[in-house]
Amino acid sequence: MAIPVGLIVVITCVDLLTPTQVHLGPLLVVAPALTPSFAGPRVTALIGALAVAAQVVIAALRGGFTVNHQVQIAAIAVISLLIVVYAQEQRRRHRELARVRSVSEATQRVVLRPLPHRLGPLRVASLYMAAEDEAQIGGDLYAATRVKDCTRLIIGDVRGKGLTSISDASVLMGAFREAAHFSPGLVELADVLERSVCRHLAEHTTIAHAERVGAAERLAAEAELKEHFITALLVDIPDEDNVVYMTNCGHPPPLLLPERGGVTTLSATQPAPPLGMCGLPRGSSSSGTPDAFPFEDGDTLLLYTDGVIEARAPDGSFYPLAQRVGQWSGSGPEGLLLHLRRDLLDHVGGRLGDDAAMVVIQRSPALHPVQQLKRIVPVNGAHR
C-alpha cells in the first residue's frame, strides 16, 4: 500500500510545484490502477478515494474548481470505480482458481496416487509434469502394487488431452488396481485391461449416439471415440530373480541403466497394440509370454511417456533422453528425476508441449527381505 500512497503524494507535490499550465493531476489514476496487483477491492477503493481527494486538493490550490479540474476529478472517480470492479472480479477469479486447484489436487490423489518410495527390494521415484497451465494431472498415468513376491507396475499415455483423457486414465488405473491382484501374468493382465478399456469406450459410443440427433454427428462422434487408445507398459519385477518381465502395448521402450554404466533400450520382441484398439489381434497374446530382461542389484530402470522424448527445443530438436540420462545414473531414483526434470525444462525453454511422466526403479541389494532375514536368523549358533 505504500507504493500507491507514495505515488499520490509525489504526483500531488510535483503538480503543485510546476507551472499552472502543466497538469499532472490525471496521473493520479496510476495509483489505483496498480493496487489490484497486490491488494483487494477494498484497498483499491481506498486508494481511488485518496486519488480523488488529492485531485480536489490540487484544484483548490490551483485557483479553484475550474471546468478542467472538475472533469479531471470526475474522470479519476469513474476510472477508480471501474478499477474497483475489476479488482472484485479478479478476486472472484482467484478464489475460483483456488477451488479448481483444490479439485485438481484431490483428483490427482485419487487417480494418480503417489508411488511408495520402497516396494520390496526396489527403490521407486515418480514424476508427473503437466503441460496444461495450473493442471496437475492429464492423460499420462502410472501405478504400482505388490503381488505375491513381486512388484507390478504400469505406465501409460492416453491419446488426447483434457477431461476425456482423465476419464480414460481413471478407468485404466481402476482396472489395473483390481486386476493386478488376480491376473497370474502380464499377458492375462493386458487382456483384462483391454476388455475394460473397450467396454468403457463402447459405453461412451452409446452415449454419443444418444446425444447426437443427426446421422453425420453420430458418425463423427463414433469416429472420434474409435481414435481413443492408451499406450501402456506393464512390468513385473520379482523380489528374488534378477530379471524384469514386460508386456509393451505400443508404449515407448524403457531404459535400463546398469550399475556398471551405460544405457540399454529394452525394446519389446513382440509388441502388442495399444489398449483400446478393440478388434485388433494382440501380438503378445499369441506368444503367451512377456519379454524378460536382466535386472541386477544396483541396476536402474527408467519408465517414461512420449511427452519426454517428443519434447522439442526452440530449434525443433527432440529431447535426447537416452544420451542424457546416463550421466546421472549414480544419482539414485529421486536425484535422477531431479536432474531429468531440470534438463528437460531447459531443453524446451521452460514449458512442455505435452504431459510427461517418468518412473525410476532401482533394485537395491540392501532391501532384499531374504537377505535381511539371513542376518537375523542364527545359523549354527551364530548370526550371519
Protein backbone atom coordinates (compact mmCIF):
# COMPACT_ATOMS: atom_id res chain seq x y z
CA MET A 1 0.00 0.00 0.00
CA ALA A 2 2.98 2.29 0.48
CA ILE A 3 3.69 2.41 -3.27
CA PRO A 4 0.32 3.83 -4.42
CA VAL A 5 0.16 6.25 -1.47
CA GLY A 6 3.70 7.41 -2.25
CA LEU A 7 2.73 7.92 -5.90
CA ILE A 8 -0.23 10.06 -4.88
CA VAL A 9 1.95 12.21 -2.61
CA VAL A 10 4.70 12.64 -5.21
CA ILE A 11 2.32 13.46 -8.08
CA THR A 12 0.41 15.95 -5.93
CA CYS A 13 3.56 17.75 -4.76
CA VAL A 14 5.10 17.89 -8.23
CA ASP A 15 1.85 19.18 -9.72
CA LEU A 16 1.66 21.98 -7.17
CA LEU A 17 5.29 22.98 -7.78
CA THR A 18 5.12 23.07 -11.57
CA PRO A 19 3.75 25.98 -13.63
CA THR A 20 -0.05 26.31 -13.81
CA GLN A 21 -0.15 25.36 -17.46
CA VAL A 22 1.27 21.90 -16.62
CA HIS A 23 -1.38 19.48 -15.35
CA LEU A 24 -0.08 16.28 -13.71
CA GLY A 25 -3.24 15.52 -11.75
CA PRO A 26 -4.57 12.96 -14.28
CA LEU A 27 -1.53 10.80 -13.47
CA LEU A 28 -3.07 10.12 -10.06
CA VAL A 29 -5.11 7.36 -11.66
CA VAL A 30 -1.90 5.28 -11.83
CA ALA A 31 -2.10 4.65 -8.08
CA PRO A 32 -5.47 2.83 -8.03
CA ALA A 33 -4.56 1.09 -11.29
CA LEU A 34 -1.52 -0.55 -9.65
CA THR A 35 -3.27 -1.54 -6.44
CA PRO A 36 -5.18 -4.66 -7.66
CA SER A 37 -1.84 -6.34 -8.43
CA PHE A 38 -1.16 -6.78 -4.71
CA ALA A 39 -4.36 -5.85 -2.83
CA GLY A 40 -8.09 -6.47 -2.86
CA PRO A 41 -11.05 -4.31 -3.91
CA ARG A 42 -11.38 -2.54 -0.54
CA VAL A 43 -7.80 -1.28 -0.56
CA THR A 44 -8.22 -0.35 -4.23
CA ALA A 45 -11.30 1.68 -3.39
CA LEU A 46 -9.41 3.43 -0.59
CA ILE A 47 -6.53 4.32 -2.91
CA GLY A 48 -9.03 5.54 -5.52
CA ALA A 49 -10.66 7.78 -2.92
CA LEU A 50 -7.25 9.19 -1.92
CA ALA A 51 -6.50 9.90 -5.60
CA VAL A 52 -9.78 11.79 -5.98
CA ALA A 53 -9.09 13.71 -2.75
CA ALA A 54 -5.61 14.59 -4.00
CA GLN A 55 -7.09 15.95 -7.22
CA VAL A 56 -9.53 18.03 -5.16
CA VAL A 57 -6.59 19.45 -3.18
CA ILE A 58 -4.77 20.29 -6.40
CA ALA A 59 -7.87 22.02 -7.77
CA ALA A 60 -8.35 24.04 -4.56
CA LEU A 61 -4.71 25.20 -4.52
CA ARG A 62 -4.57 25.85 -8.25
CA GLY A 63 -7.07 28.67 -8.43
CA GLY A 64 -10.39 26.98 -7.79
CA PHE A 65 -12.59 24.32 -9.33
CA THR A 66 -12.36 25.18 -12.99
CA VAL A 67 -14.15 23.11 -15.62
CA ASN A 68 -10.85 21.38 -16.37
CA HIS A 69 -10.37 20.40 -12.72
CA GLN A 70 -13.96 19.21 -12.41
CA VAL A 71 -13.54 16.98 -15.45
CA GLN A 72 -10.29 15.59 -14.04
CA ILE A 73 -11.92 14.83 -10.67
CA ALA A 74 -14.87 13.12 -12.35
CA ALA A 75 -12.59 11.13 -14.65
CA ILE A 76 -10.41 9.87 -11.79
CA ALA A 77 -13.52 8.94 -9.80
CA VAL A 78 -15.06 7.00 -12.69
CA ILE A 79 -11.82 5.21 -13.59
CA SER A 80 -11.19 4.33 -9.94
CA LEU A 81 -14.69 2.86 -9.71
CA LEU A 82 -14.04 0.72 -12.79
CA ILE A 83 -10.73 -0.43 -11.31
CA VAL A 84 -12.53 -1.46 -8.10
CA VAL A 85 -15.00 -3.51 -10.16
CA TYR A 86 -12.05 -5.12 -11.93
CA ALA A 87 -10.36 -5.87 -8.59
CA GLN A 88 -13.56 -7.51 -7.33
CA GLU A 89 -13.76 -9.69 -10.43
CA GLN A 90 -10.07 -10.54 -10.14
CA ARG A 91 -10.55 -11.69 -6.55
CA ARG A 92 -13.52 -13.83 -7.59
CA ARG A 93 -11.44 -15.47 -10.30
CA HIS A 94 -8.58 -16.08 -7.88
CA ARG A 95 -10.98 -17.82 -5.49
CA GLU A 96 -12.39 -19.88 -8.34
CA LEU A 97 -8.87 -20.84 -9.42
CA ALA A 98 -8.05 -21.87 -5.86
CA ARG A 99 -11.11 -24.14 -5.84
CA VAL A 100 -10.09 -25.62 -9.20
CA ARG A 101 -6.60 -26.29 -7.85
CA SER A 102 -8.10 -27.97 -4.81
CA VAL A 103 -10.26 -30.22 -7.02
CA SER A 104 -7.25 -30.94 -9.24
CA GLU A 105 -5.16 -31.95 -6.24
CA ALA A 106 -7.96 -34.20 -4.96
CA THR A 107 -8.33 -35.77 -8.41
CA GLN A 108 -4.60 -36.35 -8.59
CA ARG A 109 -4.57 -38.09 -5.22
CA VAL A 110 -7.44 -40.38 -6.30
CA VAL A 111 -6.45 -41.13 -9.91
CA LEU A 112 -2.67 -40.72 -9.80
CA ARG A 113 -1.64 -41.80 -6.35
CA PRO A 114 1.97 -41.13 -5.34
CA LEU A 115 4.10 -44.24 -5.65
CA PRO A 116 5.72 -45.59 -2.48
CA HIS A 117 9.42 -44.85 -2.15
CA ARG A 118 10.09 -48.53 -1.48
CA LEU A 119 8.41 -51.62 -2.87
CA GLY A 120 10.03 -54.85 -1.73
CA PRO A 121 13.69 -54.74 -2.79
CA LEU A 122 13.07 -51.73 -5.01
CA ARG A 123 13.60 -48.01 -4.56
CA VAL A 124 10.99 -46.06 -6.54
CA ALA A 125 10.55 -42.42 -7.54
CA SER A 126 7.95 -40.89 -9.85
CA LEU A 127 7.38 -37.54 -11.55
CA TYR A 128 4.42 -36.06 -13.40
CA MET A 129 4.79 -32.87 -15.44
CA ALA A 130 1.52 -31.47 -16.83
CA ALA A 131 1.58 -29.32 -19.95
CA GLU A 132 -1.69 -27.51 -19.15
CA ASP A 133 -1.39 -24.32 -17.13
CA GLU A 134 -2.36 -24.88 -13.49
CA ALA A 135 -3.14 -28.54 -14.22
CA GLN A 136 -1.64 -31.32 -12.14
CA ILE A 137 -2.97 -34.32 -13.98
CA GLY A 138 -3.76 -35.17 -17.58
CA GLY A 139 -3.64 -38.25 -19.79
CA ASP A 140 -0.38 -39.80 -18.53
CA LEU A 141 -0.62 -42.38 -15.78
CA TYR A 142 1.37 -44.75 -13.62
CA ALA A 143 0.69 -47.10 -10.74
CA ALA A 144 2.41 -49.83 -8.77
CA THR A 145 1.28 -52.56 -6.43
CA ARG A 146 2.68 -55.55 -4.59
CA VAL A 147 1.58 -59.02 -5.60
CA LYS A 148 3.00 -62.32 -4.36
CA ASP A 149 6.80 -61.89 -4.07
CA CYS A 150 6.69 -59.41 -6.94
CA THR A 151 6.19 -55.74 -7.74
CA ARG A 152 3.80 -54.98 -10.59
CA LEU A 153 3.76 -51.60 -12.34
CA ILE A 154 2.04 -49.84 -15.21
CA ILE A 155 2.84 -46.63 -17.05
CA GLY A 156 0.65 -45.34 -19.84
CA ASP A 157 -0.37 -42.43 -22.02
CA VAL A 158 -3.93 -41.68 -23.11
CA ARG A 159 -4.36 -40.19 -26.56
CA GLY A 160 -5.72 -36.65 -26.33
CA LYS A 161 -5.99 -34.09 -23.56
CA GLY A 162 -8.49 -32.57 -21.17
CA LEU A 163 -11.29 -34.24 -19.21
CA THR A 164 -11.73 -37.07 -21.73
CA SER A 165 -8.15 -38.23 -21.25
CA ILE A 166 -8.51 -38.02 -17.47
CA SER A 167 -11.65 -40.15 -17.69
CA ASP A 168 -9.89 -42.78 -19.81
CA ALA A 169 -6.88 -42.74 -17.48
CA SER A 170 -9.06 -43.22 -14.39
CA VAL A 171 -10.79 -46.22 -15.99
CA LEU A 172 -7.47 -47.89 -16.79
CA MET A 173 -6.00 -47.15 -13.38
CA GLY A 174 -9.03 -48.59 -11.61
CA ALA A 175 -8.95 -51.71 -13.76
CA PHE A 176 -5.21 -52.18 -13.13
CA ARG A 177 -5.50 -51.84 -9.35
CA GLU A 178 -8.18 -54.51 -9.32
CA ALA A 179 -6.91 -56.92 -11.99
CA ALA A 180 -3.25 -56.78 -10.94
CA HIS A 181 -4.02 -58.95 -7.90
CA PHE A 182 -5.84 -61.80 -9.65
CA SER A 183 -4.18 -61.89 -13.09
CA PRO A 184 -1.44 -64.57 -13.00
CA GLY A 185 0.75 -62.93 -15.64
CA LEU A 186 1.25 -59.75 -17.62
CA VAL A 187 -0.31 -61.16 -20.79
CA GLU A 188 -3.50 -62.03 -18.94
CA LEU A 189 -3.44 -58.65 -17.23
CA ALA A 190 -3.12 -56.88 -20.59
CA ASP A 191 -6.14 -58.80 -21.88
CA VAL A 192 -8.21 -57.80 -18.85
CA LEU A 193 -7.22 -54.14 -19.23
CA GLU A 194 -8.04 -54.27 -22.96
CA ARG A 195 -11.54 -55.55 -22.25
CA SER A 196 -12.08 -52.90 -19.59
CA VAL A 197 -10.96 -50.05 -21.86
CA CYS A 198 -13.04 -51.33 -24.80
CA ARG A 199 -16.10 -51.63 -22.58
CA HIS A 200 -15.55 -48.06 -21.41
CA LEU A 201 -15.23 -46.79 -24.99
CA ALA A 202 -18.33 -48.73 -26.06
CA GLU A 203 -20.34 -47.06 -23.30
CA HIS A 204 -19.16 -43.66 -24.48
CA THR A 205 -20.09 -44.53 -28.05
CA THR A 206 -23.61 -45.42 -26.91
CA ILE A 207 -23.92 -42.13 -25.03
CA ALA A 208 -22.62 -40.23 -28.05
CA HIS A 209 -25.26 -41.85 -30.25
CA ALA A 210 -27.98 -40.88 -27.80
CA GLU A 211 -26.80 -37.27 -27.58
CA ARG A 212 -26.35 -36.72 -31.35
CA VAL A 213 -29.50 -36.18 -33.37
CA GLY A 214 -28.13 -36.19 -36.92
CA ALA A 215 -26.55 -39.22 -38.57
CA ALA A 216 -23.47 -37.22 -39.55
CA GLU A 217 -22.92 -36.08 -35.97
CA ARG A 218 -23.26 -39.65 -34.73
CA LEU A 219 -20.72 -40.94 -37.24
CA ALA A 220 -18.30 -38.15 -36.32
CA ALA A 221 -18.64 -38.89 -32.61
CA GLU A 222 -18.16 -42.61 -33.20
CA ALA A 223 -15.08 -42.00 -35.36
CA GLU A 224 -13.62 -39.74 -32.69
CA LEU A 225 -14.13 -42.34 -29.99
CA LYS A 226 -12.54 -45.03 -32.18
CA GLU A 227 -9.40 -42.93 -32.25
CA HIS A 228 -9.11 -43.10 -28.46
CA PHE A 229 -6.44 -45.51 -27.28
CA ILE A 230 -3.92 -45.87 -24.48
CA THR A 231 -0.31 -46.89 -24.84
CA ALA A 232 0.82 -48.87 -21.82
CA LEU A 233 3.80 -50.74 -20.46
CA LEU A 234 3.20 -53.50 -17.90
CA VAL A 235 6.12 -54.54 -15.71
CA ASP A 236 6.70 -57.37 -13.25
CA ILE A 237 9.82 -57.34 -11.05
CA PRO A 238 10.27 -60.47 -8.89
CA ASP A 239 11.87 -60.00 -5.49
CA GLU A 240 14.46 -62.76 -5.80
CA ASP A 241 15.07 -63.27 -9.52
CA ASN A 242 17.36 -60.70 -11.13
CA VAL A 243 15.02 -60.20 -14.06
CA VAL A 244 12.25 -57.86 -15.18
CA TYR A 245 9.24 -59.01 -17.22
CA MET A 246 7.45 -56.63 -19.57
CA THR A 247 4.47 -56.52 -21.89
CA ASN A 248 4.56 -53.47 -24.14
CA CYS A 249 1.28 -52.20 -25.61
CA GLY A 250 2.53 -49.57 -28.04
CA HIS A 251 4.46 -47.64 -25.39
CA PRO A 252 7.97 -46.15 -25.67
CA PRO A 253 10.54 -48.77 -24.55
CA PRO A 254 12.08 -48.25 -21.10
CA LEU A 255 15.75 -47.60 -20.50
CA LEU A 256 17.98 -49.80 -18.36
CA LEU A 257 20.91 -48.16 -16.57
CA PRO A 258 23.18 -50.98 -15.35
CA GLU A 259 25.27 -50.33 -12.25
CA ARG A 260 28.43 -50.86 -14.30
CA GLY A 261 27.43 -47.97 -16.59
CA GLY A 262 25.84 -47.43 -19.98
CA VAL A 263 22.25 -47.19 -21.20
CA THR A 264 20.25 -50.01 -22.81
CA THR A 265 16.90 -49.66 -24.56
CA LEU A 266 14.61 -52.57 -23.65
CA SER A 267 12.68 -52.97 -26.89
CA ALA A 268 9.83 -55.48 -26.99
CA THR A 269 10.38 -58.55 -29.17
CA GLN A 270 6.64 -58.90 -29.78
CA PRO A 271 4.92 -55.56 -29.05
CA ALA A 272 1.15 -55.56 -28.69
CA PRO A 273 -1.24 -52.88 -29.99
CA PRO A 274 -2.22 -50.04 -27.65
CA LEU A 275 -5.12 -50.67 -25.30
CA GLY A 276 -8.48 -49.63 -26.73
CA MET A 277 -7.73 -50.74 -30.30
CA CYS A 278 -10.72 -53.02 -30.00
CA GLY A 279 -10.82 -55.86 -32.51
CA LEU A 280 -7.12 -55.86 -33.35
CA PRO A 281 -5.18 -59.05 -32.53
CA ARG A 282 -2.74 -58.65 -29.68
CA GLY A 283 0.78 -59.77 -30.60
CA SER A 284 1.81 -60.60 -27.04
CA SER A 285 -1.23 -62.81 -26.53
CA SER A 286 -0.17 -65.06 -29.41
CA SER A 287 3.10 -65.94 -27.67
CA GLY A 288 1.62 -66.15 -24.20
CA THR A 289 4.81 -64.95 -22.51
CA PRO A 290 6.11 -61.46 -21.71
CA ASP A 291 9.58 -60.22 -22.58
CA ALA A 292 12.29 -60.84 -19.98
CA PHE A 293 15.41 -58.73 -19.42
CA PRO A 294 18.22 -58.93 -16.82
CA PHE A 295 17.75 -56.58 -13.86
CA GLU A 296 20.62 -56.98 -11.41
CA ASP A 297 21.22 -55.48 -7.99
CA GLY A 298 22.12 -51.81 -8.34
CA ASP A 299 20.57 -51.52 -11.83
CA THR A 300 18.11 -48.71 -12.54
CA LEU A 301 15.06 -48.86 -14.79
CA LEU A 302 13.53 -45.71 -16.28
CA LEU A 303 9.92 -45.77 -17.48
CA TYR A 304 8.60 -42.72 -19.28
CA THR A 305 5.87 -41.45 -21.61
CA ASP A 306 6.27 -39.98 -25.08
CA GLY A 307 5.93 -36.46 -23.68
CA VAL A 308 9.57 -36.81 -22.59
CA ILE A 309 11.18 -37.99 -25.82
CA GLU A 310 8.91 -35.85 -28.04
CA ALA A 311 9.65 -32.63 -26.14
CA ARG A 312 11.05 -30.14 -28.65
CA ALA A 313 13.62 -27.42 -28.20
CA PRO A 314 13.00 -24.00 -29.82
CA ASP A 315 15.06 -25.20 -32.81
CA GLY A 316 12.76 -28.21 -33.25
CA SER A 317 15.11 -30.91 -31.94
CA PHE A 318 13.70 -33.69 -29.76
CA TYR A 319 14.93 -34.30 -26.24
CA PRO A 320 17.76 -36.92 -26.41
CA LEU A 321 16.76 -38.89 -23.32
CA ALA A 322 18.97 -41.94 -23.95
CA GLN A 323 22.03 -39.72 -24.49
CA ARG A 324 21.41 -37.54 -21.44
CA VAL A 325 20.26 -39.96 -18.76
CA GLY A 326 23.48 -41.95 -18.48
CA GLN A 327 25.41 -39.11 -16.86
CA TRP A 328 23.11 -39.19 -13.80
CA SER A 329 22.82 -42.96 -13.39
CA GLY A 330 24.50 -42.86 -9.98
CA SER A 331 22.21 -40.20 -8.52
CA GLY A 332 19.57 -42.57 -7.16
CA PRO A 333 15.89 -42.55 -8.22
CA GLU A 334 15.00 -39.15 -6.71
CA GLY A 335 18.21 -37.50 -7.87
CA LEU A 336 17.85 -38.90 -11.37
CA LEU A 337 14.35 -37.46 -11.73
CA LEU A 338 15.51 -34.12 -10.37
CA HIS A 339 18.26 -33.91 -12.99
CA LEU A 340 15.94 -35.05 -15.78
CA ARG A 341 13.25 -32.55 -14.89
CA ARG A 342 15.68 -29.64 -14.84
CA ASP A 343 17.38 -30.74 -18.06
CA LEU A 344 14.08 -31.36 -19.86
CA LEU A 345 12.72 -27.92 -19.00
CA ASP A 346 15.99 -26.31 -20.08
CA HIS A 347 15.75 -28.17 -23.39
CA VAL A 348 12.22 -26.96 -24.21
CA GLY A 349 12.74 -23.44 -22.92
CA GLY A 350 10.70 -23.78 -19.73
CA ARG A 351 7.38 -25.16 -20.97
CA LEU A 352 6.35 -28.60 -22.20
CA GLY A 353 4.07 -29.09 -25.17
CA ASP A 354 2.64 -32.36 -23.80
CA ASP A 355 2.24 -34.08 -20.45
CA ALA A 356 5.24 -36.10 -19.35
CA ALA A 357 5.60 -38.80 -16.73
CA MET A 358 8.61 -40.75 -15.50
CA VAL A 359 9.10 -43.58 -13.04
CA VAL A 360 12.53 -44.70 -11.84
CA ILE A 361 13.03 -48.12 -10.24
CA GLN A 362 16.30 -49.24 -8.72
CA ARG A 363 16.94 -52.73 -7.39
CA SER A 364 18.67 -52.28 -4.07
CA PRO A 365 20.54 -55.28 -2.65
CA ALA A 366 20.18 -53.89 0.88
CA LEU A 367 16.39 -54.25 0.69
CA HIS A 368 16.07 -57.95 -0.16
CA PRO A 369 13.81 -59.48 2.52
CA VAL A 370 15.59 -62.87 2.39
CA GLN A 371 18.98 -61.24 2.87
CA GLN A 372 17.63 -59.27 5.81
CA LEU A 373 16.21 -62.48 7.29
CA LYS A 374 19.56 -64.25 6.96
CA ARG A 375 21.18 -61.52 9.01
CA ILE A 376 18.67 -62.05 11.81
CA VAL A 377 18.17 -65.83 11.97
CA PRO A 378 21.11 -67.61 13.70
CA VAL A 379 22.85 -70.32 11.72
CA ASN A 380 24.77 -72.94 13.80
CA GLY A 381 24.53 -70.68 16.84
CA ALA A 382 25.94 -67.59 15.13
CA HIS A 383 24.50 -64.63 13.26
CA ARG A 384 25.44 -64.16 9.62
